[in-house]
Amino acid sequence: MKNTTLSLKILRINHDKDIVFKMVDDVIDIIKNSNLNYLVGPSETTIDGNIDELMNLLSSIMNFVKESSDPVFISSQFYYQKRGITPLEEKIKNK
């Protein structure tokens, strides 16, 4: 049972949109390869999992972006519910 949602926003402080889009695409690939459920939104990506899975994913993303020569701002929010969370698919289906 998944009990945590991570909302992640990465802002690269660089005005070259091609460089920014490339980094965002690479981070989305890391998320995709985690095999966790995720939803890419216009300003952040939301991922469902267990806290350990999400912390490992966040660590992988941090290791990737720290190689950038530009400053990077990363905002992460965790929502935890012991009895389990409503999966992303259900949240979308109910709209």
N, C-alpha and C. Protein backbone atom coordinates (compact mmCIF):
# COMPACT_ATOMS: atom_id res chain seq x y z
N MET A 1 0.84 -1.18 0.00
CA MET A 1 0.00 0.00 0.00
C MET A 1 0.88 1.25 0.00
N LYS A 2 0.60 2.13 -0.92
CA LYS A 2 1.33 3.39 -1.00
C LYS A 2 0.79 4.33 0.08
N ASN A 3 1.70 4.99 0.80
CA ASN A 3 1.25 5.85 1.89
C ASN A 3 1.80 7.28 1.82
N THR A 4 2.49 7.61 0.73
CA THR A 4 3.13 8.92 0.64
C THR A 4 3.02 9.46 -0.79
N THR A 5 2.81 10.75 -0.89
CA THR A 5 2.85 11.45 -2.16
C THR A 5 3.95 12.50 -2.09
N LEU A 6 4.75 12.57 -3.14
CA LEU A 6 5.80 13.58 -3.26
C LEU A 6 5.44 14.51 -4.41
N SER A 7 5.40 15.79 -4.13
CA SER A 7 5.25 16.80 -5.18
C SER A 7 6.61 17.46 -5.35
N LEU A 8 7.11 17.47 -6.57
CA LEU A 8 8.48 17.89 -6.83
C LEU A 8 8.50 18.97 -7.91
N LYS A 9 9.24 20.01 -7.62
CA LYS A 9 9.41 21.10 -8.58
C LYS A 9 10.90 21.41 -8.66
N ILE A 10 11.44 21.44 -9.87
CA ILE A 10 12.85 21.74 -10.08
C ILE A 10 12.95 22.96 -10.98
N LEU A 11 13.64 23.97 -10.50
CA LEU A 11 13.85 25.19 -11.26
C LEU A 11 15.34 25.39 -11.45
N ARG A 12 15.76 25.34 -12.66
CA ARG A 12 17.16 25.59 -12.97
C ARG A 12 17.30 27.08 -13.24
N ILE A 13 18.23 27.70 -12.59
CA ILE A 13 18.39 29.15 -12.71
C ILE A 13 19.28 29.42 -13.92
N ASN A 14 18.66 29.32 -15.06
CA ASN A 14 19.32 29.51 -16.34
C ASN A 14 18.23 29.99 -17.29
N HIS A 15 18.55 30.97 -18.07
CA HIS A 15 17.52 31.54 -18.94
C HIS A 15 17.47 30.90 -20.33
N ASP A 16 18.34 29.93 -20.58
CA ASP A 16 18.31 29.22 -21.86
C ASP A 16 17.27 28.12 -21.76
N LYS A 17 16.12 28.31 -22.39
CA LYS A 17 15.01 27.37 -22.23
C LYS A 17 15.36 25.97 -22.71
N ASP A 18 16.22 25.83 -23.71
CA ASP A 18 16.60 24.49 -24.18
C ASP A 18 17.35 23.72 -23.10
N ILE A 19 18.21 24.40 -22.37
CA ILE A 19 18.95 23.76 -21.28
C ILE A 19 17.99 23.39 -20.15
N VAL A 20 17.10 24.29 -19.82
CA VAL A 20 16.13 24.04 -18.76
C VAL A 20 15.23 22.86 -19.13
N PHE A 21 14.68 22.86 -20.34
CA PHE A 21 13.80 21.78 -20.77
C PHE A 21 14.53 20.43 -20.80
N LYS A 22 15.79 20.43 -21.19
CA LYS A 22 16.58 19.19 -21.22
C LYS A 22 16.71 18.61 -19.81
N MET A 23 17.01 19.47 -18.83
CA MET A 23 17.15 18.98 -17.46
C MET A 23 15.81 18.45 -16.95
N VAL A 24 14.75 19.16 -17.20
CA VAL A 24 13.42 18.70 -16.76
C VAL A 24 13.09 17.36 -17.41
N ASP A 25 13.34 17.22 -18.70
CA ASP A 25 13.09 15.95 -19.39
C ASP A 25 13.92 14.82 -18.79
N ASP A 26 15.18 15.11 -18.46
CA ASP A 26 16.04 14.08 -17.86
C ASP A 26 15.53 13.66 -16.49
N VAL A 27 15.06 14.62 -15.70
CA VAL A 27 14.52 14.29 -14.38
C VAL A 27 13.23 13.48 -14.53
N ILE A 28 12.39 13.82 -15.48
CA ILE A 28 11.17 13.04 -15.72
C ILE A 28 11.54 11.61 -16.13
N ASP A 29 12.61 11.43 -16.90
CA ASP A 29 13.06 10.08 -17.25
C ASP A 29 13.48 9.30 -16.01
N ILE A 30 14.16 9.96 -15.07
CA ILE A 30 14.55 9.29 -13.82
C ILE A 30 13.29 8.84 -13.07
N ILE A 31 12.30 9.72 -13.02
CA ILE A 31 11.04 9.38 -12.35
C ILE A 31 10.35 8.22 -13.07
N LYS A 32 10.29 8.29 -14.38
CA LYS A 32 9.66 7.23 -15.19
C LYS A 32 10.34 5.88 -14.93
N ASN A 33 11.66 5.88 -14.87
CA ASN A 33 12.42 4.64 -14.66
C ASN A 33 12.30 4.09 -13.24
N SER A 34 11.72 4.87 -12.33
CA SER A 34 11.53 4.38 -10.96
C SER A 34 10.36 3.40 -10.87
N ASN A 35 9.54 3.35 -11.92
CA ASN A 35 8.34 2.50 -11.96
C ASN A 35 7.30 2.87 -10.90
N LEU A 36 7.38 4.09 -10.38
CA LEU A 36 6.36 4.59 -9.47
C LEU A 36 5.30 5.33 -10.28
N ASN A 37 4.09 5.41 -9.75
CA ASN A 37 3.03 6.17 -10.42
C ASN A 37 3.34 7.65 -10.30
N TYR A 38 3.21 8.38 -11.40
CA TYR A 38 3.51 9.81 -11.37
C TYR A 38 2.60 10.55 -12.35
N LEU A 39 2.51 11.84 -12.12
CA LEU A 39 1.72 12.72 -12.97
C LEU A 39 2.52 14.00 -13.17
N VAL A 40 2.83 14.31 -14.42
CA VAL A 40 3.55 15.54 -14.74
C VAL A 40 2.52 16.64 -14.93
N GLY A 41 2.64 17.68 -14.12
CA GLY A 41 1.75 18.83 -14.23
C GLY A 41 2.49 20.02 -14.81
N PRO A 42 1.80 21.13 -14.98
CA PRO A 42 2.43 22.30 -15.59
C PRO A 42 3.50 22.94 -14.72
N SER A 43 3.42 22.76 -13.40
CA SER A 43 4.41 23.41 -12.54
C SER A 43 5.11 22.46 -11.58
N GLU A 44 4.65 21.22 -11.49
CA GLU A 44 5.31 20.24 -10.62
C GLU A 44 4.92 18.84 -11.05
N THR A 45 5.68 17.88 -10.57
CA THR A 45 5.39 16.47 -10.83
C THR A 45 5.03 15.82 -9.50
N THR A 46 3.99 15.01 -9.50
CA THR A 46 3.52 14.33 -8.31
C THR A 46 3.76 12.84 -8.47
N ILE A 47 4.30 12.22 -7.41
CA ILE A 47 4.68 10.81 -7.46
C ILE A 47 4.11 10.11 -6.23
N ASP A 48 3.50 8.94 -6.42
CA ASP A 48 2.99 8.12 -5.32
C ASP A 48 4.00 7.03 -4.99
N GLY A 49 4.13 6.71 -3.71
CA GLY A 49 4.99 5.61 -3.30
C GLY A 49 5.02 5.48 -1.80
N ASN A 50 5.96 4.71 -1.32
CA ASN A 50 6.24 4.65 0.11
C ASN A 50 7.36 5.63 0.40
N ILE A 51 7.46 6.06 1.63
CA ILE A 51 8.43 7.10 1.97
C ILE A 51 9.85 6.69 1.57
N ASP A 52 10.22 5.42 1.78
CA ASP A 52 11.58 4.98 1.42
C ASP A 52 11.81 5.05 -0.08
N GLU A 53 10.82 4.62 -0.86
CA GLU A 53 10.94 4.68 -2.32
C GLU A 53 11.11 6.13 -2.79
N LEU A 54 10.32 7.01 -2.21
CA LEU A 54 10.35 8.41 -2.63
C LEU A 54 11.63 9.11 -2.19
N MET A 55 12.13 8.77 -1.01
CA MET A 55 13.40 9.36 -0.55
C MET A 55 14.55 8.88 -1.44
N ASN A 56 14.54 7.61 -1.82
CA ASN A 56 15.57 7.09 -2.73
C ASN A 56 15.48 7.78 -4.09
N LEU A 57 14.27 7.97 -4.58
CA LEU A 57 14.08 8.67 -5.85
C LEU A 57 14.58 10.11 -5.76
N LEU A 58 14.24 10.80 -4.69
CA LEU A 58 14.69 12.17 -4.51
C LEU A 58 16.21 12.24 -4.44
N SER A 59 16.82 11.26 -3.79
CA SER A 59 18.29 11.20 -3.73
C SER A 59 18.89 11.01 -5.12
N SER A 60 18.29 10.15 -5.92
CA SER A 60 18.77 9.93 -7.30
C SER A 60 18.66 11.21 -8.12
N ILE A 61 17.55 11.91 -7.96
CA ILE A 61 17.36 13.17 -8.68
C ILE A 61 18.38 14.20 -8.22
N MET A 62 18.60 14.29 -6.91
CA MET A 62 19.59 15.24 -6.38
C MET A 62 20.98 14.93 -6.91
N ASN A 63 21.35 13.66 -6.97
CA ASN A 63 22.66 13.28 -7.50
C ASN A 63 22.80 13.68 -8.96
N PHE A 64 21.72 13.60 -9.71
CA PHE A 64 21.75 14.00 -11.11
C PHE A 64 21.89 15.51 -11.24
N VAL A 65 21.06 16.27 -10.56
CA VAL A 65 21.06 17.72 -10.77
C VAL A 65 22.27 18.41 -10.15
N LYS A 66 22.90 17.80 -9.16
CA LYS A 66 24.06 18.46 -8.55
C LYS A 66 25.24 18.53 -9.52
N GLU A 67 25.20 17.74 -10.58
CA GLU A 67 26.25 17.79 -11.60
C GLU A 67 26.13 19.02 -12.49
N SER A 68 25.02 19.72 -12.39
CA SER A 68 24.80 20.92 -13.20
C SER A 68 25.73 22.03 -12.73
N SER A 69 26.21 22.81 -13.67
CA SER A 69 27.07 23.93 -13.30
C SER A 69 26.24 25.14 -12.88
N ASP A 70 24.95 25.12 -13.19
CA ASP A 70 24.08 26.22 -12.83
C ASP A 70 23.41 25.94 -11.49
N PRO A 71 23.05 27.01 -10.78
CA PRO A 71 22.28 26.80 -9.55
C PRO A 71 20.93 26.15 -9.88
N VAL A 72 20.48 25.30 -8.98
CA VAL A 72 19.20 24.60 -9.17
C VAL A 72 18.40 24.75 -7.87
N PHE A 73 17.15 25.13 -8.01
CA PHE A 73 16.24 25.24 -6.88
C PHE A 73 15.32 24.03 -6.93
N ILE A 74 15.28 23.26 -5.84
CA ILE A 74 14.41 22.07 -5.78
C ILE A 74 13.44 22.24 -4.62
N SER A 75 12.18 22.14 -4.93
CA SER A 75 11.14 22.22 -3.92
C SER A 75 10.44 20.87 -3.85
N SER A 76 10.37 20.30 -2.66
CA SER A 76 9.68 19.01 -2.51
C SER A 76 8.72 19.10 -1.34
N GLN A 77 7.56 18.50 -1.54
CA GLN A 77 6.55 18.42 -0.49
C GLN A 77 6.11 16.97 -0.38
N PHE A 78 6.07 16.49 0.85
CA PHE A 78 5.63 15.13 1.10
C PHE A 78 4.29 15.16 1.83
N TYR A 79 3.39 14.29 1.39
CA TYR A 79 2.12 14.08 2.09
C TYR A 79 2.11 12.62 2.51
N TYR A 80 2.00 12.36 3.81
CA TYR A 80 2.02 11.00 4.34
C TYR A 80 0.71 10.71 5.05
N GLN A 81 0.19 9.52 4.81
CA GLN A 81 -1.00 9.07 5.52
C GLN A 81 -0.81 7.60 5.86
N LYS A 82 -0.76 7.30 7.13
CA LYS A 82 -0.46 5.94 7.59
C LYS A 82 -1.36 4.88 6.96
N ARG A 83 -2.64 5.17 6.84
CA ARG A 83 -3.58 4.16 6.32
C ARG A 83 -3.56 4.06 4.80
N GLY A 84 -2.73 4.86 4.15
CA GLY A 84 -2.61 4.81 2.70
C GLY A 84 -3.21 6.04 2.04
N ILE A 85 -2.73 6.32 0.85
CA ILE A 85 -3.18 7.49 0.10
C ILE A 85 -4.11 7.05 -1.03
N THR A 86 -4.87 7.98 -1.53
CA THR A 86 -5.67 7.73 -2.73
C THR A 86 -4.73 7.80 -3.92
N PRO A 87 -4.64 6.74 -4.72
CA PRO A 87 -3.72 6.74 -5.87
C PRO A 87 -4.05 7.85 -6.86
N LEU A 88 -3.04 8.32 -7.56
CA LEU A 88 -3.21 9.38 -8.55
C LEU A 88 -4.29 9.04 -9.57
N GLU A 89 -4.33 7.79 -10.03
CA GLU A 89 -5.31 7.39 -11.03
C GLU A 89 -6.73 7.63 -10.54
N GLU A 90 -6.97 7.33 -9.26
CA GLU A 90 -8.31 7.53 -8.70
C GLU A 90 -8.64 9.01 -8.57
N LYS A 91 -7.66 9.80 -8.16
CA LYS A 91 -7.89 11.24 -8.02
C LYS A 91 -8.28 11.85 -9.35
N ILE A 92 -7.63 11.43 -10.41
CA ILE A 92 -7.91 11.97 -11.74
C ILE A 92 -9.26 11.47 -12.24
N LYS A 93 -9.54 10.19 -12.01
CA LYS A 93 -10.78 9.58 -12.49
C LYS A 93 -12.00 10.25 -11.87
N ASN A 94 -11.89 10.71 -10.64
CA ASN A 94 -13.03 11.29 -9.93
C ASN A 94 -13.31 12.73 -10.31
N LYS A 95 -12.54 13.31 -11.20
CA LYS A 95 -12.77 14.71 -11.59
C LYS A 95 -13.79 14.79 -12.69
